[in-house]
Amino acid sequence: MKEDAKKYLGLKVRAIREAAGMTQEELAATCDVSWRTISNLERGTVVPDLLMVYKISQEFNVSIDEMLNNKTVNNKSLSRLEKENQVIEKIRKTDDNLLDYIDEQLRLLLKHFNH
């Protein structure tokens, strides 16, 4: 599997898992693997077998084609997903006061740029 495809699949799995409010441990239990395997998958360092891809697609009601195809118009680009995850990681490390400030600033930016 090409490195970009592995990374894209990992970021896609992370995005749908987090959107569903599921932990890595919970997804690991669904796939009968360790949470470390899910962590490595999400970081694009391992290639999942077809059974794991199938189980993940079933858990989140997403087609396997959608999970693997990073060329479709509806999917976000790899660089976009990476940037979103970097921002999320930075936000997670902030305290409550800074988070409130970031939220306020983001609302102002979106109001200004989303006429």
N, C-alpha and C. Protein backbone atom coordinates (compact mmCIF):
# COMPACT_ATOMS: atom_id res chain seq x y z
N MET A 1 0.86 -1.18 0.00
CA MET A 1 0.00 0.00 0.00
C MET A 1 0.90 1.23 0.00
N LYS A 2 0.62 2.18 -0.88
CA LYS A 2 1.41 3.39 -0.93
C LYS A 2 1.31 4.15 0.38
N GLU A 3 2.39 4.86 0.72
CA GLU A 3 2.43 5.60 1.99
C GLU A 3 1.28 6.60 2.10
N ASP A 4 0.99 7.34 1.02
CA ASP A 4 -0.11 8.30 1.06
C ASP A 4 -1.44 7.62 1.33
N ALA A 5 -1.63 6.45 0.72
CA ALA A 5 -2.89 5.72 0.91
C ALA A 5 -3.00 5.23 2.35
N LYS A 6 -1.89 4.74 2.93
CA LYS A 6 -1.93 4.31 4.33
C LYS A 6 -2.25 5.48 5.24
N LYS A 7 -1.61 6.60 4.99
CA LYS A 7 -1.82 7.78 5.83
C LYS A 7 -3.27 8.28 5.68
N TYR A 8 -3.76 8.30 4.45
CA TYR A 8 -5.13 8.75 4.21
C TYR A 8 -6.12 7.85 4.94
N LEU A 9 -5.95 6.53 4.81
CA LEU A 9 -6.86 5.60 5.46
C LEU A 9 -6.83 5.81 6.97
N GLY A 10 -5.64 5.98 7.53
CA GLY A 10 -5.52 6.20 8.97
C GLY A 10 -6.22 7.46 9.41
N LEU A 11 -6.03 8.54 8.68
CA LEU A 11 -6.68 9.80 9.03
C LEU A 11 -8.20 9.70 8.86
N LYS A 12 -8.62 8.98 7.85
CA LYS A 12 -10.05 8.78 7.62
C LYS A 12 -10.67 8.00 8.77
N VAL A 13 -10.00 6.93 9.20
CA VAL A 13 -10.51 6.13 10.32
C VAL A 13 -10.58 6.99 11.57
N ARG A 14 -9.54 7.77 11.84
CA ARG A 14 -9.54 8.63 13.02
C ARG A 14 -10.69 9.63 12.97
N ALA A 15 -10.89 10.24 11.81
CA ALA A 15 -11.94 11.25 11.68
C ALA A 15 -13.33 10.65 11.92
N ILE A 16 -13.61 9.48 11.33
CA ILE A 16 -14.95 8.90 11.52
C ILE A 16 -15.11 8.34 12.93
N ARG A 17 -14.03 7.84 13.51
CA ARG A 17 -14.10 7.32 14.88
C ARG A 17 -14.40 8.47 15.84
N GLU A 18 -13.66 9.58 15.71
CA GLU A 18 -13.87 10.71 16.60
C GLU A 18 -15.24 11.34 16.38
N ALA A 19 -15.69 11.41 15.14
CA ALA A 19 -17.02 11.97 14.85
C ALA A 19 -18.11 11.13 15.51
N ALA A 20 -17.86 9.84 15.65
CA ALA A 20 -18.82 8.94 16.30
C ALA A 20 -18.68 8.96 17.82
N GLY A 21 -17.68 9.67 18.32
CA GLY A 21 -17.47 9.74 19.76
C GLY A 21 -16.93 8.44 20.35
N MET A 22 -16.22 7.69 19.56
CA MET A 22 -15.71 6.39 19.98
C MET A 22 -14.22 6.51 20.30
N THR A 23 -13.79 5.79 21.32
CA THR A 23 -12.38 5.78 21.68
C THR A 23 -11.63 4.74 20.84
N GLN A 24 -10.31 4.84 20.84
CA GLN A 24 -9.50 3.83 20.15
C GLN A 24 -9.73 2.46 20.78
N GLU A 25 -9.88 2.44 22.09
CA GLU A 25 -10.10 1.17 22.79
C GLU A 25 -11.41 0.52 22.34
N GLU A 26 -12.46 1.32 22.20
CA GLU A 26 -13.74 0.78 21.77
C GLU A 26 -13.68 0.25 20.34
N LEU A 27 -13.02 0.98 19.46
CA LEU A 27 -12.88 0.50 18.09
C LEU A 27 -12.03 -0.76 18.05
N ALA A 28 -10.99 -0.79 18.86
CA ALA A 28 -10.13 -1.98 18.93
C ALA A 28 -10.95 -3.21 19.33
N ALA A 29 -11.84 -3.06 20.29
CA ALA A 29 -12.67 -4.18 20.73
C ALA A 29 -13.57 -4.66 19.59
N THR A 30 -14.10 -3.74 18.82
CA THR A 30 -14.93 -4.10 17.67
C THR A 30 -14.14 -4.89 16.63
N CYS A 31 -12.86 -4.52 16.48
CA CYS A 31 -12.03 -5.16 15.45
C CYS A 31 -11.22 -6.34 15.98
N ASP A 32 -11.36 -6.64 17.28
CA ASP A 32 -10.60 -7.73 17.90
C ASP A 32 -9.09 -7.53 17.79
N VAL A 33 -8.65 -6.28 18.02
CA VAL A 33 -7.22 -5.95 18.03
C VAL A 33 -6.94 -5.09 19.24
N SER A 34 -5.69 -4.76 19.48
CA SER A 34 -5.34 -3.89 20.59
C SER A 34 -5.54 -2.43 20.21
N TRP A 35 -5.65 -1.57 21.21
CA TRP A 35 -5.80 -0.14 20.92
C TRP A 35 -4.54 0.39 20.24
N ARG A 36 -3.39 -0.24 20.50
CA ARG A 36 -2.15 0.18 19.84
C ARG A 36 -2.23 -0.06 18.33
N THR A 37 -2.89 -1.13 17.94
CA THR A 37 -3.06 -1.40 16.51
C THR A 37 -3.90 -0.29 15.88
N ILE A 38 -4.96 0.13 16.56
CA ILE A 38 -5.79 1.22 16.04
C ILE A 38 -4.98 2.51 16.00
N SER A 39 -4.21 2.77 17.03
CA SER A 39 -3.35 3.95 17.06
C SER A 39 -2.38 3.94 15.89
N ASN A 40 -1.73 2.81 15.66
CA ASN A 40 -0.79 2.69 14.53
C ASN A 40 -1.50 2.83 13.20
N LEU A 41 -2.70 2.29 13.09
CA LEU A 41 -3.48 2.44 11.87
C LEU A 41 -3.77 3.91 11.61
N GLU A 42 -4.23 4.61 12.64
CA GLU A 42 -4.59 6.02 12.49
C GLU A 42 -3.39 6.89 12.15
N ARG A 43 -2.21 6.47 12.57
CA ARG A 43 -0.99 7.22 12.24
C ARG A 43 -0.40 6.80 10.90
N GLY A 44 -1.01 5.81 10.26
CA GLY A 44 -0.56 5.37 8.95
C GLY A 44 0.70 4.54 8.98
N THR A 45 0.97 3.89 10.12
CA THR A 45 2.19 3.09 10.22
C THR A 45 1.97 1.60 10.00
N VAL A 46 0.70 1.18 9.96
CA VAL A 46 0.41 -0.22 9.67
C VAL A 46 -0.64 -0.30 8.56
N VAL A 47 -0.63 -1.40 7.85
CA VAL A 47 -1.64 -1.67 6.83
C VAL A 47 -2.64 -2.65 7.43
N PRO A 48 -3.90 -2.26 7.53
CA PRO A 48 -4.89 -3.18 8.10
C PRO A 48 -5.21 -4.29 7.10
N ASP A 49 -5.60 -5.44 7.64
CA ASP A 49 -6.05 -6.49 6.73
C ASP A 49 -7.48 -6.18 6.29
N LEU A 50 -7.92 -6.90 5.29
CA LEU A 50 -9.24 -6.65 4.73
C LEU A 50 -10.35 -6.84 5.76
N LEU A 51 -10.20 -7.81 6.65
CA LEU A 51 -11.22 -8.04 7.67
C LEU A 51 -11.35 -6.83 8.60
N MET A 52 -10.22 -6.22 8.98
CA MET A 52 -10.29 -5.04 9.84
C MET A 52 -10.97 -3.88 9.10
N VAL A 53 -10.62 -3.67 7.85
CA VAL A 53 -11.25 -2.61 7.07
C VAL A 53 -12.76 -2.86 6.98
N TYR A 54 -13.13 -4.12 6.77
CA TYR A 54 -14.55 -4.48 6.71
C TYR A 54 -15.26 -4.18 8.03
N LYS A 55 -14.65 -4.59 9.15
CA LYS A 55 -15.26 -4.36 10.46
C LYS A 55 -15.43 -2.86 10.75
N ILE A 56 -14.43 -2.08 10.39
CA ILE A 56 -14.51 -0.63 10.61
C ILE A 56 -15.61 -0.04 9.73
N SER A 57 -15.67 -0.46 8.48
CA SER A 57 -16.70 0.07 7.58
C SER A 57 -18.10 -0.28 8.08
N GLN A 58 -18.27 -1.48 8.63
CA GLN A 58 -19.56 -1.89 9.17
C GLN A 58 -19.91 -1.10 10.43
N GLU A 59 -18.93 -0.90 11.29
CA GLU A 59 -19.16 -0.17 12.54
C GLU A 59 -19.67 1.24 12.29
N PHE A 60 -19.11 1.89 11.27
CA PHE A 60 -19.45 3.29 11.01
C PHE A 60 -20.38 3.48 9.81
N ASN A 61 -20.86 2.35 9.25
CA ASN A 61 -21.78 2.41 8.12
C ASN A 61 -21.19 3.23 6.96
N VAL A 62 -19.94 2.94 6.65
CA VAL A 62 -19.22 3.61 5.56
C VAL A 62 -18.76 2.51 4.61
N SER A 63 -18.89 2.74 3.31
CA SER A 63 -18.46 1.71 2.37
C SER A 63 -16.94 1.57 2.38
N ILE A 64 -16.48 0.39 2.08
CA ILE A 64 -15.04 0.16 1.99
C ILE A 64 -14.45 1.04 0.91
N ASP A 65 -15.16 1.18 -0.19
CA ASP A 65 -14.69 2.04 -1.28
C ASP A 65 -14.48 3.47 -0.79
N GLU A 66 -15.41 3.98 0.00
CA GLU A 66 -15.29 5.34 0.53
C GLU A 66 -14.09 5.45 1.47
N MET A 67 -13.85 4.41 2.25
CA MET A 67 -12.72 4.44 3.18
C MET A 67 -11.38 4.42 2.45
N LEU A 68 -11.30 3.72 1.35
CA LEU A 68 -10.02 3.54 0.66
C LEU A 68 -9.77 4.52 -0.47
N ASN A 69 -10.80 5.11 -0.99
CA ASN A 69 -10.65 5.96 -2.17
C ASN A 69 -10.42 7.41 -1.78
N ASN A 70 -9.20 7.86 -1.88
CA ASN A 70 -8.88 9.25 -1.53
C ASN A 70 -8.90 10.16 -2.74
N LYS A 71 -9.45 9.70 -3.86
CA LYS A 71 -9.49 10.50 -5.07
C LYS A 71 -10.88 11.08 -5.37
N THR A 72 -11.90 10.69 -4.61
CA THR A 72 -13.24 11.16 -4.92
C THR A 72 -13.42 12.61 -4.52
N VAL A 73 -14.32 13.28 -5.18
CA VAL A 73 -14.56 14.70 -4.96
C VAL A 73 -15.08 14.97 -3.55
N ASN A 74 -15.89 14.06 -3.01
CA ASN A 74 -16.51 14.29 -1.71
C ASN A 74 -15.54 14.16 -0.54
N ASN A 75 -14.43 13.49 -0.73
CA ASN A 75 -13.48 13.29 0.36
C ASN A 75 -12.54 14.47 0.48
N LYS A 76 -12.09 14.73 1.68
CA LYS A 76 -11.11 15.76 1.92
C LYS A 76 -9.74 15.26 1.50
N SER A 77 -8.89 16.18 1.08
CA SER A 77 -7.55 15.79 0.67
C SER A 77 -6.73 15.35 1.88
N LEU A 78 -5.67 14.61 1.62
CA LEU A 78 -4.79 14.15 2.67
C LEU A 78 -4.21 15.33 3.43
N SER A 79 -3.78 16.35 2.72
CA SER A 79 -3.19 17.52 3.41
C SER A 79 -4.23 18.23 4.26
N ARG A 80 -5.47 18.27 3.82
CA ARG A 80 -6.54 18.89 4.61
C ARG A 80 -6.78 18.10 5.89
N LEU A 81 -6.87 16.77 5.79
CA LEU A 81 -7.09 15.94 6.97
C LEU A 81 -5.93 16.06 7.95
N GLU A 82 -4.69 16.09 7.42
CA GLU A 82 -3.53 16.25 8.29
C GLU A 82 -3.58 17.58 9.04
N LYS A 83 -3.92 18.64 8.32
CA LYS A 83 -3.97 19.97 8.94
C LYS A 83 -5.07 20.02 10.01
N GLU A 84 -6.24 19.46 9.72
CA GLU A 84 -7.31 19.43 10.71
C GLU A 84 -6.88 18.68 11.96
N ASN A 85 -6.22 17.55 11.78
CA ASN A 85 -5.78 16.76 12.93
C ASN A 85 -4.70 17.49 13.73
N GLN A 86 -3.82 18.22 13.06
CA GLN A 86 -2.80 19.01 13.76
C GLN A 86 -3.45 20.09 14.61
N VAL A 87 -4.45 20.76 14.05
CA VAL A 87 -5.15 21.81 14.80
C VAL A 87 -5.88 21.21 16.00
N ILE A 88 -6.54 20.08 15.79
CA ILE A 88 -7.25 19.41 16.89
C ILE A 88 -6.29 19.04 18.00
N GLU A 89 -5.14 18.50 17.64
CA GLU A 89 -4.14 18.12 18.66
C GLU A 89 -3.67 19.33 19.45
N LYS A 90 -3.45 20.44 18.78
CA LYS A 90 -3.02 21.67 19.47
C LYS A 90 -4.11 22.16 20.42
N ILE A 91 -5.35 22.12 19.98
CA ILE A 91 -6.46 22.57 20.81
C ILE A 91 -6.62 21.68 22.03
N ARG A 92 -6.45 20.38 21.87
CA ARG A 92 -6.58 19.44 23.00
C ARG A 92 -5.58 19.74 24.11
N LYS A 93 -4.46 20.35 23.78
CA LYS A 93 -3.41 20.60 24.76
C LYS A 93 -3.60 21.94 25.50
N THR A 94 -4.64 22.69 25.16
CA THR A 94 -4.86 24.00 25.78
C THR A 94 -5.66 23.86 27.07
N ASP A 95 -5.55 24.89 27.92
CA ASP A 95 -6.39 24.91 29.12
C ASP A 95 -7.76 25.51 28.76
N ASP A 96 -8.68 25.50 29.71
CA ASP A 96 -10.04 25.96 29.44
C ASP A 96 -10.11 27.43 29.02
N ASN A 97 -9.30 28.27 29.64
CA ASN A 97 -9.33 29.69 29.29
C ASN A 97 -8.89 29.92 27.85
N LEU A 98 -7.81 29.26 27.47
CA LEU A 98 -7.33 29.41 26.09
C LEU A 98 -8.33 28.81 25.11
N LEU A 99 -8.95 27.71 25.47
CA LEU A 99 -9.96 27.11 24.60
C LEU A 99 -11.13 28.07 24.39
N ASP A 100 -11.57 28.73 25.44
CA ASP A 100 -12.65 29.73 25.30
C ASP A 100 -12.24 30.85 24.36
N TYR A 101 -11.00 31.31 24.49
CA TYR A 101 -10.48 32.38 23.63
C TYR A 101 -10.42 31.91 22.18
N ILE A 102 -9.92 30.70 21.95
CA ILE A 102 -9.83 30.16 20.59
C ILE A 102 -11.23 30.06 19.98
N ASP A 103 -12.18 29.58 20.77
CA ASP A 103 -13.56 29.46 20.29
C ASP A 103 -14.12 30.82 19.89
N GLU A 104 -13.89 31.82 20.73
CA GLU A 104 -14.37 33.17 20.45
C GLU A 104 -13.76 33.72 19.16
N GLN A 105 -12.46 33.55 19.02
CA GLN A 105 -11.77 34.04 17.83
C GLN A 105 -12.21 33.31 16.57
N LEU A 106 -12.43 32.02 16.69
CA LEU A 106 -12.88 31.23 15.56
C LEU A 106 -14.27 31.67 15.11
N ARG A 107 -15.14 31.94 16.07
CA ARG A 107 -16.49 32.43 15.73
C ARG A 107 -16.41 33.75 14.97
N LEU A 108 -15.53 34.63 15.41
CA LEU A 108 -15.37 35.92 14.73
C LEU A 108 -14.83 35.73 13.32
N LEU A 109 -13.84 34.86 13.16
CA LEU A 109 -13.29 34.61 11.84
C LEU A 109 -14.33 34.02 10.89
N LEU A 110 -15.08 33.04 11.40
CA LEU A 110 -16.09 32.42 10.56
C LEU A 110 -17.20 33.40 10.19
N LYS A 111 -17.56 34.26 11.13
CA LYS A 111 -18.57 35.26 10.85
C LYS A 111 -18.09 36.21 9.75
N HIS A 112 -16.81 36.59 9.83
CA HIS A 112 -16.25 37.53 8.87
C HIS A 112 -16.06 36.91 7.49
N PHE A 113 -15.60 35.66 7.44
CA PHE A 113 -15.27 35.04 6.16
C PHE A 113 -16.39 34.21 5.55
N ASN A 114 -17.45 33.95 6.31
CA ASN A 114 -18.59 33.18 5.77
C ASN A 114 -19.79 34.09 5.58
N HIS A 115 -19.62 35.15 4.87
CA HIS A 115 -20.69 36.14 4.67
C HIS A 115 -21.97 35.44 4.46
